[in-house]
Amino acid sequence: DELNGISFAGIGSGTKVEYIQVHQNLDDGVEFFGGGVNIKHLVLTGNDDDSIDTDNGYNGHIQYAIVVQRAAGGDNITEASSVSSSVTPQSNPIISNFTFVGNRTNAFR
């Protein structure tokens, strides 16, 4: 299932995304499938899977993020991956100016 709060699929860096919140979604808060969209002012709270999931060559910036994992659930605060090491572009997101509040010690993958 890809029932993410917001899915960005191949969205380019010319798209401006600011001031968004996803609260208590049943899958990832936001997931990026490639592209380079840049986001400012992101709030993700109580989501059931990963809060920020980047795949398939996502190369954008996320700035000013607050992420709070659900106390009794949630998977990882971040999950960053690519299809394989031989496929380009590789995911290389840049996340800056953030506060992450996890529910366990291994909240990053």
PDB file of N, CA and C in Angstrom:
ATOM      1  N   ASP A   1       0.838  -1.184   0.000  1.00  0.00           N
ATOM      2  CA  ASP A   1       0.000   0.000   0.000  1.00  0.00           C
ATOM      3  C   ASP A   1       0.879   1.242   0.000  1.00  0.00           C
ATOM      4  N   GLU A   2       0.524   2.205  -0.786  1.00  0.00           N
ATOM      5  CA  GLU A   2       1.178   3.515  -0.773  1.00  0.00           C
ATOM      6  C   GLU A   2       0.114   4.552  -0.441  1.00  0.00           C
ATOM      7  N   LEU A   3      -0.392   4.478   0.763  1.00  0.00           N
ATOM      8  CA  LEU A   3      -1.435   5.398   1.218  1.00  0.00           C
ATOM      9  C   LEU A   3      -0.812   6.506   2.059  1.00  0.00           C
ATOM     10  N   ASN A   4       0.232   7.116   1.502  1.00  0.00           N
ATOM     11  CA  ASN A   4       0.971   8.152   2.205  1.00  0.00           C
ATOM     12  C   ASN A   4       0.107   9.389   2.416  1.00  0.00           C
ATOM     13  N   GLY A   5       0.456  10.154   3.441  1.00  0.00           N
ATOM     14  CA  GLY A   5      -0.243  11.417   3.642  1.00  0.00           C
ATOM     15  C   GLY A   5      -0.126  12.288   2.406  1.00  0.00           C
ATOM     16  N   ILE A   6       1.099  12.435   1.901  1.00  0.00           N
ATOM     17  CA  ILE A   6       1.353  13.132   0.637  1.00  0.00           C
ATOM     18  C   ILE A   6       2.426  12.353  -0.104  1.00  0.00           C
ATOM     19  N   SER A   7       2.178  12.028  -1.367  1.00  0.00           N
ATOM     20  CA  SER A   7       3.171  11.379  -2.229  1.00  0.00           C
ATOM     21  C   SER A   7       3.627  12.380  -3.281  1.00  0.00           C
ATOM     22  N   PHE A   8       4.934  12.504  -3.423  1.00  0.00           N
ATOM     23  CA  PHE A   8       5.525  13.345  -4.460  1.00  0.00           C
ATOM     24  C   PHE A   8       6.222  12.411  -5.438  1.00  0.00           C
ATOM     25  N   ALA A   9       5.739  12.327  -6.671  1.00  0.00           N
ATOM     26  CA  ALA A   9       6.288  11.396  -7.660  1.00  0.00           C
ATOM     27  C   ALA A   9       6.905  12.177  -8.815  1.00  0.00           C
ATOM     28  N   GLY A  10       8.234  12.284  -8.799  1.00  0.00           N
ATOM     29  CA  GLY A  10       8.940  12.947  -9.882  1.00  0.00           C
ATOM     30  C   GLY A  10       8.697  14.441  -9.972  1.00  0.00           C
ATOM     31  N   ILE A  11       8.343  15.083  -8.868  1.00  0.00           N
ATOM     32  CA  ILE A  11       8.069  16.519  -8.869  1.00  0.00           C
ATOM     33  C   ILE A  11       9.400  17.272  -8.890  1.00  0.00           C
ATOM     34  N   GLY A  12       9.537  18.230  -9.786  1.00  0.00           N
ATOM     35  CA  GLY A  12      10.795  18.943  -9.969  1.00  0.00           C
ATOM     36  C   GLY A  12      11.036  20.057  -8.974  1.00  0.00           C
ATOM     37  N   SER A  13      12.264  20.576  -8.994  1.00  0.00           N
ATOM     38  CA  SER A  13      12.678  21.613  -8.049  1.00  0.00           C
ATOM     39  C   SER A  13      12.010  22.962  -8.312  1.00  0.00           C
ATOM     40  N   GLY A  14      11.344  23.126  -9.433  1.00  0.00           N
ATOM     41  CA  GLY A  14      10.621  24.363  -9.716  1.00  0.00           C
ATOM     42  C   GLY A  14       9.308  24.479  -8.970  1.00  0.00           C
ATOM     43  N   THR A  15       8.859  23.393  -8.364  1.00  0.00           N
ATOM     44  CA  THR A  15       7.610  23.399  -7.601  1.00  0.00           C
ATOM     45  C   THR A  15       7.891  23.868  -6.180  1.00  0.00           C
ATOM     46  N   LYS A  16       7.107  24.814  -5.692  1.00  0.00           N
ATOM     47  CA  LYS A  16       7.276  25.376  -4.355  1.00  0.00           C
ATOM     48  C   LYS A  16       6.246  24.748  -3.421  1.00  0.00           C
ATOM     49  N   VAL A  17       6.718  24.099  -2.359  1.00  0.00           N
ATOM     50  CA  VAL A  17       5.827  23.481  -1.370  1.00  0.00           C
ATOM     51  C   VAL A  17       6.220  24.023   0.000  1.00  0.00           C
ATOM     52  N   GLU A  18       5.281  24.687   0.665  1.00  0.00           N
ATOM     53  CA  GLU A  18       5.557  25.269   1.974  1.00  0.00           C
ATOM     54  C   GLU A  18       4.358  25.103   2.896  1.00  0.00           C
ATOM     55  N   TYR A  19       4.654  25.004   4.182  1.00  0.00           N
ATOM     56  CA  TYR A  19       3.649  24.979   5.241  1.00  0.00           C
ATOM     57  C   TYR A  19       2.651  23.838   5.065  1.00  0.00           C
ATOM     58  N   ILE A  20       3.132  22.623   5.264  1.00  0.00           N
ATOM     59  CA  ILE A  20       2.232  21.468   5.199  1.00  0.00           C
ATOM     60  C   ILE A  20       2.348  20.651   6.483  1.00  0.00           C
ATOM     61  N   GLN A  21       1.260  19.984   6.826  1.00  0.00           N
ATOM     62  CA  GLN A  21       1.225  19.093   7.979  1.00  0.00           C
ATOM     63  C   GLN A  21       0.478  17.828   7.604  1.00  0.00           C
ATOM     64  N   VAL A  22       0.996  16.695   8.079  1.00  0.00           N
ATOM     65  CA  VAL A  22       0.292  15.416   7.984  1.00  0.00           C
ATOM     66  C   VAL A  22       0.207  14.879   9.407  1.00  0.00           C
ATOM     67  N   HIS A  23      -1.003  14.573   9.851  1.00  0.00           N
ATOM     68  CA  HIS A  23      -1.231  14.130  11.229  1.00  0.00           C
ATOM     69  C   HIS A  23      -1.957  12.792  11.237  1.00  0.00           C
ATOM     70  N   GLN A  24      -1.378  11.816  11.899  1.00  0.00           N
ATOM     71  CA  GLN A  24      -1.952  10.486  12.125  1.00  0.00           C
ATOM     72  C   GLN A  24      -2.403   9.792  10.847  1.00  0.00           C
ATOM     73  N   ASN A  25      -1.551   9.799   9.842  1.00  0.00           N
ATOM     74  CA  ASN A  25      -1.827   9.038   8.624  1.00  0.00           C
ATOM     75  C   ASN A  25      -1.499   7.562   8.865  1.00  0.00           C
ATOM     76  N   LEU A  26      -2.140   6.672   8.139  1.00  0.00           N
ATOM     77  CA  LEU A  26      -1.938   5.235   8.341  1.00  0.00           C
ATOM     78  C   LEU A  26      -0.703   4.677   7.639  1.00  0.00           C
ATOM     79  N   ASP A  27      -0.018   5.482   6.826  1.00  0.00           N
ATOM     80  CA  ASP A  27       1.213   5.046   6.157  1.00  0.00           C
ATOM     81  C   ASP A  27       2.261   6.138   6.395  1.00  0.00           C
ATOM     82  N   ASP A  28       3.165   6.344   5.443  1.00  0.00           N
ATOM     83  CA  ASP A  28       4.191   7.378   5.599  1.00  0.00           C
ATOM     84  C   ASP A  28       3.549   8.761   5.679  1.00  0.00           C
ATOM     85  N   GLY A  29       4.204   9.662   6.398  1.00  0.00           N
ATOM     86  CA  GLY A  29       3.742  11.044   6.403  1.00  0.00           C
ATOM     87  C   GLY A  29       3.879  11.648   5.017  1.00  0.00           C
ATOM     88  N   VAL A  30       5.123  11.689   4.500  1.00  0.00           N
ATOM     89  CA  VAL A  30       5.389  12.101   3.122  1.00  0.00           C
ATOM     90  C   VAL A  30       6.359  11.101   2.511  1.00  0.00           C
ATOM     91  N   GLU A  31       6.172  10.825   1.219  1.00  0.00           N
ATOM     92  CA  GLU A  31       7.109   9.958   0.504  1.00  0.00           C
ATOM     93  C   GLU A  31       7.429  10.593  -0.837  1.00  0.00           C
ATOM     94  N   PHE A  32       8.707  10.536  -1.173  1.00  0.00           N
ATOM     95  CA  PHE A  32       9.213  11.122  -2.414  1.00  0.00           C
ATOM     96  C   PHE A  32       9.699   9.998  -3.315  1.00  0.00           C
ATOM     97  N   PHE A  33       9.140   9.912  -4.519  1.00  0.00           N
ATOM     98  CA  PHE A  33       9.569   8.938  -5.521  1.00  0.00           C
ATOM     99  C   PHE A  33      10.322   9.712  -6.598  1.00  0.00           C
ATOM    100  N   GLY A  34      11.626   9.879  -6.420  1.00  0.00           N
ATOM    101  CA  GLY A  34      12.424  10.645  -7.366  1.00  0.00           C
ATOM    102  C   GLY A  34      12.109  12.123  -7.290  1.00  0.00           C
ATOM    103  N   GLY A  35      12.621  12.861  -8.264  1.00  0.00           N
ATOM    104  CA  GLY A  35      12.360  14.287  -8.338  1.00  0.00           C
ATOM    105  C   GLY A  35      13.272  15.093  -7.447  1.00  0.00           C
ATOM    106  N   GLY A  36      12.999  16.382  -7.396  1.00  0.00           N
ATOM    107  CA  GLY A  36      13.830  17.284  -6.620  1.00  0.00           C
ATOM    108  C   GLY A  36      13.049  18.393  -5.951  1.00  0.00           C
ATOM    109  N   VAL A  37      11.772  18.156  -5.680  1.00  0.00           N
ATOM    110  CA  VAL A  37      10.940  19.175  -5.044  1.00  0.00           C
ATOM    111  C   VAL A  37      11.548  19.574  -3.697  1.00  0.00           C
ATOM    112  N   ASN A  38      11.508  20.867  -3.406  1.00  0.00           N
ATOM    113  CA  ASN A  38      12.013  21.392  -2.146  1.00  0.00           C
ATOM    114  C   ASN A  38      10.836  21.783  -1.261  1.00  0.00           C
ATOM    115  N   ILE A  39      10.961  21.464   0.024  1.00  0.00           N
ATOM    116  CA  ILE A  39       9.873  21.729   0.971  1.00  0.00           C
ATOM    117  C   ILE A  39      10.410  22.556   2.126  1.00  0.00           C
ATOM    118  N   LYS A  40       9.631  23.553   2.535  1.00  0.00           N
ATOM    119  CA  LYS A  40       9.948  24.333   3.725  1.00  0.00           C
ATOM    120  C   LYS A  40       8.747  24.296   4.659  1.00  0.00           C
ATOM    121  N   HIS A  41       9.033  24.204   5.947  1.00  0.00           N
ATOM    122  CA  HIS A  41       8.018  24.237   6.999  1.00  0.00           C
ATOM    123  C   HIS A  41       7.108  23.006   6.908  1.00  0.00           C
ATOM    124  N   LEU A  42       7.646  21.889   7.341  1.00  0.00           N
ATOM    125  CA  LEU A  42       6.961  20.596   7.293  1.00  0.00           C
ATOM    126  C   LEU A  42       6.727  20.108   8.714  1.00  0.00           C
ATOM    127  N   VAL A  43       5.493  19.729   9.026  1.00  0.00           N
ATOM    128  CA  VAL A  43       5.149  19.181  10.336  1.00  0.00           C
ATOM    129  C   VAL A  43       4.515  17.815  10.119  1.00  0.00           C
ATOM    130  N   LEU A  44       5.104  16.779  10.735  1.00  0.00           N
ATOM    131  CA  LEU A  44       4.596  15.406  10.624  1.00  0.00           C
ATOM    132  C   LEU A  44       4.428  14.860  12.030  1.00  0.00           C
ATOM    133  N   THR A  45       3.200  14.480  12.386  1.00  0.00           N
ATOM    134  CA  THR A  45       2.930  14.040  13.751  1.00  0.00           C
ATOM    135  C   THR A  45       2.076  12.779  13.758  1.00  0.00           C
ATOM    136  N   GLY A  46       2.503  11.798  14.536  1.00  0.00           N
ATOM    137  CA  GLY A  46       1.696  10.618  14.810  1.00  0.00           C
ATOM    138  C   GLY A  46       1.418   9.706  13.638  1.00  0.00           C
ATOM    139  N   ASN A  47       2.275   9.685  12.626  1.00  0.00           N
ATOM    140  CA  ASN A  47       2.020   8.829  11.466  1.00  0.00           C
ATOM    141  C   ASN A  47       2.390   7.380  11.764  1.00  0.00           C
ATOM    142  N   ASP A  48       1.760   6.461  11.059  1.00  0.00           N
ATOM    143  CA  ASP A  48       1.833   5.046  11.409  1.00  0.00           C
ATOM    144  C   ASP A  48       3.038   4.319  10.821  1.00  0.00           C
ATOM    145  N   ASP A  49       3.638   4.836   9.755  1.00  0.00           N
ATOM    146  CA  ASP A  49       4.813   4.188   9.165  1.00  0.00           C
ATOM    147  C   ASP A  49       5.969   5.182   9.275  1.00  0.00           C
ATOM    148  N   ASP A  50       6.797   5.289   8.254  1.00  0.00           N
ATOM    149  CA  ASP A  50       7.890   6.257   8.286  1.00  0.00           C
ATOM    150  C   ASP A  50       7.310   7.666   8.191  1.00  0.00           C
ATOM    151  N   SER A  51       7.972   8.606   8.813  1.00  0.00           N
ATOM    152  CA  SER A  51       7.497   9.985   8.688  1.00  0.00           C
ATOM    153  C   SER A  51       7.956  10.599   7.373  1.00  0.00           C
ATOM    154  N   ILE A  52       9.255  10.476   7.057  1.00  0.00           N
ATOM    155  CA  ILE A  52       9.810  10.968   5.791  1.00  0.00           C
ATOM    156  C   ILE A  52      10.443   9.783   5.079  1.00  0.00           C
ATOM    157  N   ASP A  53       9.960   9.452   3.891  1.00  0.00           N
ATOM    158  CA  ASP A  53      10.469   8.314   3.116  1.00  0.00           C
ATOM    159  C   ASP A  53      10.912   8.827   1.750  1.00  0.00           C
ATOM    160  N   THR A  54      12.187   8.625   1.410  1.00  0.00           N
ATOM    161  CA  THR A  54      12.715   9.080   0.119  1.00  0.00           C
ATOM    162  C   THR A  54      13.200   7.879  -0.677  1.00  0.00           C
ATOM    163  N   ASP A  55      12.804   7.805  -1.941  1.00  0.00           N
ATOM    164  CA  ASP A  55      13.118   6.666  -2.802  1.00  0.00           C
ATOM    165  C   ASP A  55      13.450   7.137  -4.213  1.00  0.00           C
ATOM    166  N   ASN A  56      13.994   6.206  -4.986  1.00  0.00           N
ATOM    167  CA  ASN A  56      14.104   6.327  -6.446  1.00  0.00           C
ATOM    168  C   ASN A  56      14.770   7.608  -6.930  1.00  0.00           C
ATOM    169  N   GLY A  57      15.831   8.037  -6.246  1.00  0.00           N
ATOM    170  CA  GLY A  57      16.596   9.177  -6.724  1.00  0.00           C
ATOM    171  C   GLY A  57      16.082  10.536  -6.305  1.00  0.00           C
ATOM    172  N   TYR A  58      15.396  10.631  -5.181  1.00  0.00           N
ATOM    173  CA  TYR A  58      14.952  11.949  -4.700  1.00  0.00           C
ATOM    174  C   TYR A  58      16.167  12.779  -4.303  1.00  0.00           C
ATOM    175  N   ASN A  59      16.262  13.990  -4.820  1.00  0.00           N
ATOM    176  CA  ASN A  59      17.413  14.857  -4.576  1.00  0.00           C
ATOM    177  C   ASN A  59      17.009  16.272  -4.185  1.00  0.00           C
ATOM    178  N   GLY A  60      15.955  16.407  -3.429  1.00  0.00           N
ATOM    179  CA  GLY A  60      15.504  17.726  -3.008  1.00  0.00           C
ATOM    180  C   GLY A  60      15.971  18.084  -1.611  1.00  0.00           C
ATOM    181  N   HIS A  61      15.530  19.253  -1.163  1.00  0.00           N
ATOM    182  CA  HIS A  61      15.844  19.759   0.169  1.00  0.00           C
ATOM    183  C   HIS A  61      14.567  19.844   1.002  1.00  0.00           C
ATOM    184  N   ILE A  62      14.689  19.495   2.265  1.00  0.00           N
ATOM    185  CA  ILE A  62      13.608  19.679   3.234  1.00  0.00           C
ATOM    186  C   ILE A  62      14.177  20.568   4.330  1.00  0.00           C
ATOM    187  N   GLN A  63      13.558  21.728   4.540  1.00  0.00           N
ATOM    188  CA  GLN A  63      14.074  22.669   5.525  1.00  0.00           C
ATOM    189  C   GLN A  63      12.959  23.089   6.469  1.00  0.00           C
ATOM    190  N   TYR A  64      13.305  23.206   7.734  1.00  0.00           N
ATOM    191  CA  TYR A  64      12.375  23.568   8.809  1.00  0.00           C
ATOM    192  C   TYR A  64      11.315  22.479   8.974  1.00  0.00           C
ATOM    193  N   ALA A  65      11.734  21.359   9.517  1.00  0.00           N
ATOM    194  CA  ALA A  65      10.831  20.219   9.719  1.00  0.00           C
ATOM    195  C   ALA A  65      10.719  19.885  11.199  1.00  0.00           C
ATOM    196  N   ILE A  66       9.518  19.536  11.604  1.00  0.00           N
ATOM    197  CA  ILE A  66       9.264  18.992  12.937  1.00  0.00           C
ATOM    198  C   ILE A  66       8.571  17.656  12.735  1.00  0.00           C
ATOM    199  N   VAL A  67       9.148  16.607  13.321  1.00  0.00           N
ATOM    200  CA  VAL A  67       8.578  15.267  13.214  1.00  0.00           C
ATOM    201  C   VAL A  67       8.432  14.698  14.617  1.00  0.00           C
ATOM    202  N   VAL A  68       7.232  14.249  14.958  1.00  0.00           N
ATOM    203  CA  VAL A  68       6.981  13.593  16.239  1.00  0.00           C
ATOM    204  C   VAL A  68       6.352  12.242  15.942  1.00  0.00           C
ATOM    205  N   GLN A  69       7.073  11.167  16.289  1.00  0.00           N
ATOM    206  CA  GLN A  69       6.558   9.817  16.077  1.00  0.00           C
ATOM    207  C   GLN A  69       5.443   9.516  17.069  1.00  0.00           C
ATOM    208  N   ARG A  70       4.521   8.686  16.643  1.00  0.00           N
ATOM    209  CA  ARG A  70       3.443   8.223  17.524  1.00  0.00           C
ATOM    210  C   ARG A  70       4.056   7.355  18.619  1.00  0.00           C
ATOM    211  N   ALA A  71       3.643   7.549  19.847  1.00  0.00           N
ATOM    212  CA  ALA A  71       4.251   6.856  20.985  1.00  0.00           C
ATOM    213  C   ALA A  71       4.106   5.345  20.904  1.00  0.00           C
ATOM    214  N   ALA A  72       2.982   4.849  20.435  1.00  0.00           N
ATOM    215  CA  ALA A  72       2.737   3.404  20.429  1.00  0.00           C
ATOM    216  C   ALA A  72       2.878   2.799  19.038  1.00  0.00           C
ATOM    217  N   GLY A  73       3.479   3.506  18.111  1.00  0.00           N
ATOM    218  CA  GLY A  73       3.580   2.966  16.754  1.00  0.00           C
ATOM    219  C   GLY A  73       4.563   3.745  15.937  1.00  0.00           C
ATOM    220  N   GLY A  74       4.334   3.760  14.659  1.00  0.00           N
ATOM    221  CA  GLY A  74       5.268   4.407  13.758  1.00  0.00           C
ATOM    222  C   GLY A  74       6.440   3.488  13.488  1.00  0.00           C
ATOM    223  N   ASP A  75       7.071   3.671  12.352  1.00  0.00           N
ATOM    224  CA  ASP A  75       8.210   2.837  11.985  1.00  0.00           C
ATOM    225  C   ASP A  75       9.480   3.653  12.193  1.00  0.00           C
ATOM    226  N   ASN A  76       9.977   4.285  11.164  1.00  0.00           N
ATOM    227  CA  ASN A  76      11.183   5.095  11.262  1.00  0.00           C
ATOM    228  C   ASN A  76      10.844   6.566  11.058  1.00  0.00           C
ATOM    229  N   ILE A  77      11.624   7.429  11.668  1.00  0.00           N
ATOM    230  CA  ILE A  77      11.446   8.850  11.391  1.00  0.00           C
ATOM    231  C   ILE A  77      11.801   9.115   9.940  1.00  0.00           C
ATOM    232  N   THR A  78      12.934   8.588   9.483  1.00  0.00           N
ATOM    233  CA  THR A  78      13.326   8.721   8.084  1.00  0.00           C
ATOM    234  C   THR A  78      13.682   7.361   7.509  1.00  0.00           C
ATOM    235  N   GLU A  79      13.367   7.181   6.247  1.00  0.00           N
ATOM    236  CA  GLU A  79      13.839   6.025   5.486  1.00  0.00           C
ATOM    237  C   GLU A  79      14.282   6.561   4.131  1.00  0.00           C
ATOM    238  N   ALA A  80      15.553   6.377   3.806  1.00  0.00           N
ATOM    239  CA  ALA A  80      16.099   6.866   2.539  1.00  0.00           C
ATOM    240  C   ALA A  80      16.674   5.684   1.774  1.00  0.00           C
ATOM    241  N   SER A  81      16.215   5.504   0.530  1.00  0.00           N
ATOM    242  CA  SER A  81      16.699   4.371  -0.257  1.00  0.00           C
ATOM    243  C   SER A  81      16.646   4.707  -1.737  1.00  0.00           C
ATOM    244  N   SER A  82      17.295   3.857  -2.513  1.00  0.00           N
ATOM    245  CA  SER A  82      17.250   3.925  -3.965  1.00  0.00           C
ATOM    246  C   SER A  82      16.911   2.538  -4.472  1.00  0.00           C
ATOM    247  N   VAL A  83      16.621   2.423  -5.758  1.00  0.00           N
ATOM    248  CA  VAL A  83      16.255   1.129  -6.337  1.00  0.00           C
ATOM    249  C   VAL A  83      17.393   0.138  -6.156  1.00  0.00           C
ATOM    250  N   SER A  84      18.604   0.513  -6.571  1.00  0.00           N
ATOM    251  CA  SER A  84      19.812  -0.287  -6.360  1.00  0.00           C
ATOM    252  C   SER A  84      21.008   0.618  -6.571  1.00  0.00           C
ATOM    253  N   SER A  85      22.186   0.138  -6.206  1.00  0.00           N
ATOM    254  CA  SER A  85      23.381   0.973  -6.325  1.00  0.00           C
ATOM    255  C   SER A  85      23.784   1.215  -7.773  1.00  0.00           C
ATOM    256  N   SER A  86      23.257   0.426  -8.710  1.00  0.00           N
ATOM    257  CA  SER A  86      23.629   0.592 -10.116  1.00  0.00           C
ATOM    258  C   SER A  86      22.662   1.486 -10.897  1.00  0.00           C
ATOM    259  N   VAL A  87      21.581   1.917 -10.270  1.00  0.00           N
ATOM    260  CA  VAL A  87      20.579   2.752 -10.942  1.00  0.00           C
ATOM    261  C   VAL A  87      20.790   4.209 -10.526  1.00  0.00           C
ATOM    262  N   THR A  88      20.817   5.104 -11.513  1.00  0.00           N
ATOM    263  CA  THR A  88      20.960   6.521 -11.203  1.00  0.00           C
ATOM    264  C   THR A  88      19.698   7.272 -11.610  1.00  0.00           C
ATOM    265  N   PRO A  89      19.395   8.393 -10.988  1.00  0.00           N
ATOM    266  CA  PRO A  89      20.161   9.004  -9.910  1.00  0.00           C
ATOM    267  C   PRO A  89      19.909   8.295  -8.581  1.00  0.00           C
ATOM    268  N   GLN A  90      20.871   8.383  -7.691  1.00  0.00           N
ATOM    269  CA  GLN A  90      20.725   7.856  -6.343  1.00  0.00           C
ATOM    270  C   GLN A  90      20.011   8.895  -5.479  1.00  0.00           C
ATOM    271  N   SER A  91      19.242   8.436  -4.504  1.00  0.00           N
ATOM    272  CA  SER A  91      18.608   9.364  -3.563  1.00  0.00           C
ATOM    273  C   SER A  91      19.688  10.062  -2.747  1.00  0.00           C
ATOM    274  N   ASN A  92      19.558  11.368  -2.617  1.00  0.00           N
ATOM    275  CA  ASN A  92      20.504  12.158  -1.838  1.00  0.00           C
ATOM    276  C   ASN A  92      19.783  13.377  -1.261  1.00  0.00           C
ATOM    277  N   PRO A  93      18.785  13.148  -0.407  1.00  0.00           N
ATOM    278  CA  PRO A  93      18.037  14.277   0.152  1.00  0.00           C
ATOM    279  C   PRO A  93      18.892  15.061   1.144  1.00  0.00           C
ATOM    280  N   ILE A  94      18.592  16.337   1.263  1.00  0.00           N
ATOM    281  CA  ILE A  94      19.239  17.181   2.267  1.00  0.00           C
ATOM    282  C   ILE A  94      18.144  17.687   3.196  1.00  0.00           C
ATOM    283  N   ILE A  95      18.274  17.353   4.482  1.00  0.00           N
ATOM    284  CA  ILE A  95      17.305  17.775   5.497  1.00  0.00           C
ATOM    285  C   ILE A  95      18.048  18.675   6.477  1.00  0.00           C
ATOM    286  N   SER A  96      17.555  19.896   6.660  1.00  0.00           N
ATOM    287  CA  SER A  96      18.242  20.834   7.551  1.00  0.00           C
ATOM    288  C   SER A  96      17.234  21.587   8.410  1.00  0.00           C
ATOM    289  N   ASN A  97      17.733  22.089   9.537  1.00  0.00           N
ATOM    290  CA  ASN A  97      16.903  22.834  10.484  1.00  0.00           C
ATOM    291  C   ASN A  97      15.685  22.014  10.893  1.00  0.00           C
ATOM    292  N   PHE A  98      15.928  20.922  11.598  1.00  0.00           N
ATOM    293  CA  PHE A  98      14.854  19.990  11.935  1.00  0.00           C
ATOM    294  C   PHE A  98      14.868  19.636  13.414  1.00  0.00           C
ATOM    295  N   THR A  99      13.717  19.202  13.894  1.00  0.00           N
ATOM    296  CA  THR A  99      13.575  18.599  15.210  1.00  0.00           C
ATOM    297  C   THR A  99      12.853  17.284  15.016  1.00  0.00           C
ATOM    298  N   PHE A 100      13.497  16.185  15.440  1.00  0.00           N
ATOM    299  CA  PHE A 100      12.900  14.854  15.350  1.00  0.00           C
ATOM    300  C   PHE A 100      12.702  14.327  16.765  1.00  0.00           C
ATOM    301  N   VAL A 101      11.495  13.879  17.080  1.00  0.00           N
ATOM    302  CA  VAL A 101      11.197  13.280  18.374  1.00  0.00           C
ATOM    303  C   VAL A 101      10.750  11.857  18.108  1.00  0.00           C
ATOM    304  N   GLY A 102      11.583  10.887  18.489  1.00  0.00           N
ATOM    305  CA  GLY A 102      11.292   9.484  18.215  1.00  0.00           C
ATOM    306  C   GLY A 102      10.651   8.786  19.388  1.00  0.00           C
ATOM    307  N   ASN A 103      10.226   7.555  19.128  1.00  0.00           N
ATOM    308  CA  ASN A 103       9.604   6.758  20.184  1.00  0.00           C
ATOM    309  C   ASN A 103      10.495   5.605  20.623  1.00  0.00           C
ATOM    310  N   ARG A 104      11.692   5.503  20.032  1.00  0.00           N
ATOM    311  CA  ARG A 104      12.639   4.458  20.418  1.00  0.00           C
ATOM    312  C   ARG A 104      14.021   4.859  19.921  1.00  0.00           C
ATOM    313  N   THR A 105      15.034   4.077  20.260  1.00  0.00           N
ATOM    314  CA  THR A 105      16.402   4.476  19.938  1.00  0.00           C
ATOM    315  C   THR A 105      16.782   4.253  18.490  1.00  0.00           C
ATOM    316  N   ASN A 106      16.108   3.391  17.752  1.00  0.00           N
ATOM    317  CA  ASN A 106      16.492   3.116  16.361  1.00  0.00           C
ATOM    318  C   ASN A 106      15.490   3.724  15.380  1.00  0.00           C
ATOM    319  N   ALA A 107      15.201   4.985  15.535  1.00  0.00           N
ATOM    320  CA  ALA A 107      14.184   5.634  14.705  1.00  0.00           C
ATOM    321  C   ALA A 107      14.697   6.069  13.341  1.00  0.00           C
ATOM    322  N   PHE A 108      15.987   5.862  13.056  1.00  0.00           N
ATOM    323  CA  PHE A 108      16.554   6.270  11.768  1.00  0.00           C
ATOM    324  C   PHE A 108      17.049   5.058  11.017  1.00  0.00           C
ATOM    325  N   ARG A 109      16.782   5.027   9.698  1.00  0.00           N
ATOM    326  CA  ARG A 109      17.276   3.920   8.875  1.00  0.00           C
ATOM    327  C   ARG A 109      17.695   4.468   7.539  1.00  0.00           C
TER     328      ARG A 109
END
